[in-house]
Amino acid sequence: MSAPPSSANARPRARDRVLTRDRRWLPSAVAALVSLLAVWFGLDLWNLDWRVPLYYSGDALAVASHFKTILETGWFTHQPDLGAPYGQFYSDYPQADNLHFIAASLMRVFTGDFGVAMNVYFVLGFPLAAITAVWFLRLVGVGRVLAPALGIAFAIAPYHFIKGEGHLFLAAYFVVPLALGIVYRVARGLPLWSRRVLSGRNAATVGTLVLLGTASSYY
């Protein structure tokens, strides 16, 4: 009959579990950092005037108007400074990008400048895409070394720069790996839900579905 583990032995085991849990996030952290550095140097963000949008023509003007309206009013549906005498209303204009509008609304806490908000959200899309890509790749069994490399490639793909701020909500494609994760789990017969209502699995599934349901309908 083996003796129960002493408290001295239990402490190292607990520490090992913490280290293992921390190392689990290391591939995502590396991919996020490298992708952020890549876009920082690639677009020369050191010298960027963050108040000026990186793109200011075509559909980027519509995106800028949405950001400006949200920062000024809290939401995109009514701009009192346009469309006299009643203002401009977007209530009957088809939109399916609430996730990005919510993000713009949250940015009101930090800035009132629509150029800053647009540029920051565009740049944040790179590490976010890297993190979700690494999560999916690890889910399907890709190794700890290869997954960050592929995640970085996914985040800085030419598509990301081509869409840019002109199609900012399409450039924010970090939701795509989350959708693939749901598809993969269903295809493999892996459970999406737990019998315990307040469980991490249920919270993750609901959170993923909310993100997918509020992101661009293209995805």
Protein backbone atom coordinates (compact mmCIF):
# COMPACT_ATOMS: atom_id res chain seq x y z
CA MET A 1 0.00 0.00 0.00
CA SER A 2 1.57 3.25 -1.13
CA ALA A 3 1.83 6.19 1.20
CA PRO A 4 -0.19 9.29 0.46
CA PRO A 5 1.82 12.00 -1.28
CA SER A 6 3.38 14.50 1.06
CA SER A 7 2.68 18.20 0.79
CA ALA A 8 6.27 18.67 -0.40
CA ASN A 9 5.61 16.36 -3.37
CA ALA A 10 2.23 17.92 -4.06
CA ARG A 11 3.69 21.40 -4.48
CA PRO A 12 6.02 20.47 -7.37
CA ARG A 13 3.16 18.63 -9.09
CA ALA A 14 0.92 21.66 -8.83
CA ARG A 15 3.75 23.83 -10.16
CA ASP A 16 4.25 21.44 -13.09
CA ARG A 17 0.55 21.70 -13.96
CA VAL A 18 0.77 25.49 -13.97
CA LEU A 19 3.87 25.42 -16.18
CA THR A 20 2.19 23.00 -18.59
CA ARG A 21 -0.88 25.24 -18.79
CA ASP A 22 1.32 28.28 -19.43
CA ARG A 23 3.32 26.49 -22.13
CA ARG A 24 0.05 25.65 -23.85
CA TRP A 25 -0.37 29.35 -24.64
CA LEU A 26 3.22 29.79 -25.83
CA PRO A 27 2.62 28.89 -29.53
CA SER A 28 -0.28 31.37 -29.74
CA ALA A 29 1.72 34.08 -27.99
CA VAL A 30 4.69 33.58 -30.34
CA ALA A 31 2.48 33.65 -33.44
CA ALA A 32 0.66 36.78 -32.25
CA LEU A 33 3.89 38.63 -31.49
CA VAL A 34 5.62 37.70 -34.76
CA SER A 35 2.57 38.60 -36.87
CA LEU A 36 2.30 41.94 -35.07
CA LEU A 37 5.99 42.67 -35.69
CA ALA A 38 5.59 41.67 -39.35
CA VAL A 39 2.77 44.14 -39.99
CA TRP A 40 4.50 46.80 -37.88
CA PHE A 41 7.63 46.72 -40.00
CA GLY A 42 5.82 45.85 -43.24
CA LEU A 43 3.60 48.94 -43.11
CA ASP A 44 6.23 51.10 -41.38
CA LEU A 45 3.91 51.80 -38.48
CA TRP A 46 6.74 53.50 -36.62
CA ASN A 47 6.20 56.55 -38.84
CA LEU A 48 2.43 56.31 -39.14
CA ASP A 49 0.24 59.24 -38.13
CA TRP A 50 -2.35 57.08 -36.39
CA ARG A 51 -4.98 59.80 -36.80
CA VAL A 52 -4.91 59.31 -40.58
CA PRO A 53 -6.46 56.05 -41.89
CA LEU A 54 -4.10 53.80 -43.81
CA TYR A 55 -6.66 53.68 -46.61
CA TYR A 56 -8.82 56.67 -47.50
CA SER A 57 -10.58 55.92 -50.76
CA GLY A 58 -13.33 53.67 -52.07
CA ASP A 59 -15.12 51.62 -49.44
CA ALA A 60 -12.67 52.79 -46.78
CA LEU A 61 -14.64 56.05 -46.73
CA ALA A 62 -17.79 54.15 -45.77
CA VAL A 63 -15.90 52.29 -43.04
CA ALA A 64 -14.48 55.58 -41.79
CA SER A 65 -17.95 57.12 -41.67
CA HIS A 66 -19.23 54.18 -39.62
CA PHE A 67 -16.35 54.47 -37.16
CA LYS A 68 -16.80 58.22 -36.87
CA THR A 69 -20.54 57.88 -36.26
CA ILE A 70 -20.04 55.15 -33.65
CA LEU A 71 -17.38 57.12 -31.79
CA GLU A 72 -19.64 60.19 -31.74
CA THR A 73 -23.03 58.61 -31.07
CA GLY A 74 -22.38 55.07 -29.78
CA TRP A 75 -23.80 53.23 -32.80
CA PHE A 76 -23.77 53.47 -36.58
CA THR A 77 -27.46 53.79 -37.37
CA HIS A 78 -27.90 57.59 -37.05
CA GLN A 79 -25.56 60.43 -37.98
CA PRO A 80 -27.21 63.77 -37.10
CA ASP A 81 -24.63 65.83 -39.03
CA LEU A 82 -25.59 64.36 -42.42
CA GLY A 83 -28.85 64.16 -44.35
CA ALA A 84 -30.47 67.43 -43.31
CA PRO A 85 -32.91 68.18 -41.86
CA TYR A 86 -33.41 64.90 -40.01
CA GLY A 87 -29.96 63.33 -40.17
CA GLN A 88 -28.68 60.23 -41.89
CA PHE A 89 -30.31 56.93 -40.94
CA TYR A 90 -28.81 53.51 -41.59
CA SER A 91 -31.58 51.56 -39.87
CA ASP A 92 -32.94 50.17 -43.15
CA TYR A 93 -29.55 49.52 -44.73
CA PRO A 94 -28.59 45.81 -44.63
CA GLN A 95 -25.63 45.20 -42.33
CA ALA A 96 -24.20 42.07 -40.78
CA ASP A 97 -21.09 43.35 -39.05
CA ASN A 98 -22.21 43.95 -35.49
CA LEU A 99 -19.09 42.36 -34.00
CA HIS A 100 -16.95 45.06 -35.59
CA PHE A 101 -19.38 47.83 -34.69
CA ILE A 102 -19.29 46.65 -31.07
CA ALA A 103 -15.48 46.73 -31.17
CA ALA A 104 -15.59 50.29 -32.51
CA SER A 105 -18.03 51.24 -29.76
CA LEU A 106 -15.69 49.83 -27.10
CA MET A 107 -12.88 51.94 -28.53
CA ARG A 108 -14.78 55.06 -27.52
CA VAL A 109 -13.32 54.49 -24.06
CA PHE A 110 -9.79 55.03 -25.40
CA THR A 111 -10.14 57.44 -28.31
CA GLY A 112 -12.54 59.78 -30.05
CA ASP A 113 -10.54 59.82 -33.29
CA PHE A 114 -11.97 57.58 -36.00
CA GLY A 115 -8.60 57.30 -37.77
CA VAL A 116 -6.93 55.95 -34.65
CA ALA A 117 -9.79 53.50 -34.09
CA MET A 118 -9.68 52.21 -37.68
CA ASN A 119 -5.92 51.77 -37.70
CA VAL A 120 -5.80 50.08 -34.30
CA TYR A 121 -8.59 47.66 -35.21
CA PHE A 122 -6.92 46.79 -38.50
CA VAL A 123 -3.57 46.11 -36.83
CA LEU A 124 -5.16 44.07 -34.04
CA GLY A 125 -6.64 41.79 -36.69
CA PHE A 126 -3.19 40.31 -37.37
CA PRO A 127 -2.40 38.89 -33.90
CA LEU A 128 -6.05 37.87 -33.46
CA ALA A 129 -5.94 35.89 -36.72
CA ALA A 130 -2.67 34.26 -35.63
CA ILE A 131 -4.09 33.24 -32.25
CA THR A 132 -7.28 31.69 -33.62
CA ALA A 133 -5.35 29.95 -36.40
CA VAL A 134 -2.94 28.37 -33.90
CA TRP A 135 -5.89 27.29 -31.75
CA PHE A 136 -7.49 25.49 -34.71
CA LEU A 137 -4.24 23.95 -35.90
CA ARG A 138 -3.51 22.59 -32.43
CA LEU A 139 -7.09 21.29 -32.26
CA VAL A 140 -6.57 19.18 -35.39
CA GLY A 141 -3.22 17.86 -34.17
CA VAL A 142 -0.59 20.13 -35.74
CA GLY A 143 2.60 20.25 -33.67
CA ARG A 144 3.69 23.01 -31.30
CA VAL A 145 6.40 24.23 -33.71
CA LEU A 146 4.56 24.03 -37.02
CA ALA A 147 1.29 25.49 -35.71
CA PRO A 148 2.74 28.96 -34.91
CA ALA A 149 4.51 29.08 -38.29
CA LEU A 150 1.29 28.31 -40.16
CA GLY A 151 -0.65 30.67 -37.90
CA ILE A 152 1.70 33.51 -38.79
CA ALA A 153 1.36 32.71 -42.50
CA PHE A 154 -2.42 32.76 -42.12
CA ALA A 155 -2.36 36.11 -40.32
CA ILE A 156 -0.10 37.93 -42.79
CA ALA A 157 -1.54 36.40 -45.96
CA PRO A 158 -1.75 38.81 -48.94
CA TYR A 159 -5.55 38.73 -48.59
CA HIS A 160 -5.24 40.57 -45.28
CA PHE A 161 -3.40 43.47 -46.89
CA ILE A 162 -5.47 43.48 -50.08
CA LYS A 163 -8.71 43.88 -48.14
CA GLY A 164 -7.07 46.35 -45.76
CA GLU A 165 -9.27 49.07 -44.32
CA GLY A 166 -11.27 49.33 -47.54
CA HIS A 167 -12.90 46.04 -46.56
CA LEU A 168 -11.93 46.20 -42.91
CA PHE A 169 -14.62 43.81 -41.73
CA LEU A 170 -13.44 41.18 -44.23
CA ALA A 171 -9.83 41.80 -43.21
CA ALA A 172 -10.87 40.88 -39.66
CA TYR A 173 -11.05 37.19 -40.60
CA PHE A 174 -9.94 35.89 -37.20
CA VAL A 175 -13.40 34.29 -36.89
CA VAL A 176 -12.72 31.83 -39.72
CA PRO A 177 -10.61 29.35 -37.67
CA LEU A 178 -13.29 29.45 -34.96
CA ALA A 179 -15.89 28.40 -37.53
CA LEU A 180 -13.60 25.64 -38.77
CA GLY A 181 -13.21 24.47 -35.18
CA ILE A 182 -16.97 24.03 -34.84
CA VAL A 183 -17.14 22.18 -38.17
CA TYR A 184 -14.24 19.92 -37.19
CA ARG A 185 -15.73 18.99 -33.84
CA VAL A 186 -19.09 18.18 -35.41
CA ALA A 187 -17.46 16.15 -38.20
CA ARG A 188 -15.42 14.14 -35.70
CA GLY A 189 -18.39 13.59 -33.41
CA LEU A 190 -16.75 15.53 -30.59
CA PRO A 191 -19.16 17.10 -28.08
CA LEU A 192 -19.90 20.80 -28.33
CA TRP A 193 -21.94 20.91 -25.12
CA SER A 194 -21.65 19.72 -21.57
CA ARG A 195 -24.47 18.55 -19.33
CA ARG A 196 -23.38 21.14 -16.79
CA VAL A 197 -24.85 24.43 -17.92
CA LEU A 198 -22.11 26.51 -16.31
CA SER A 199 -19.14 24.76 -17.87
CA GLY A 200 -16.11 25.91 -19.81
CA ARG A 201 -17.14 23.88 -22.85
CA ASN A 202 -20.59 25.48 -23.01
CA ALA A 203 -19.13 28.93 -22.52
CA ALA A 204 -16.60 28.35 -25.32
CA THR A 205 -19.26 27.06 -27.72
CA VAL A 206 -21.67 29.91 -26.99
CA GLY A 207 -18.89 32.47 -27.25
CA THR A 208 -17.73 31.05 -30.57
CA LEU A 209 -21.25 31.00 -32.02
CA VAL A 210 -21.88 34.57 -30.87
CA LEU A 211 -18.68 35.74 -32.56
CA LEU A 212 -19.58 33.90 -35.76
CA GLY A 213 -23.16 35.16 -35.73
CA THR A 214 -22.15 38.79 -35.33
CA ALA A 215 -19.14 38.83 -37.68
CA SER A 216 -19.41 39.55 -41.38
CA SER A 217 -21.99 37.34 -43.10
CA TYR A 218 -19.33 36.54 -45.74
CA TYR A 219 -17.83 34.23 -43.14
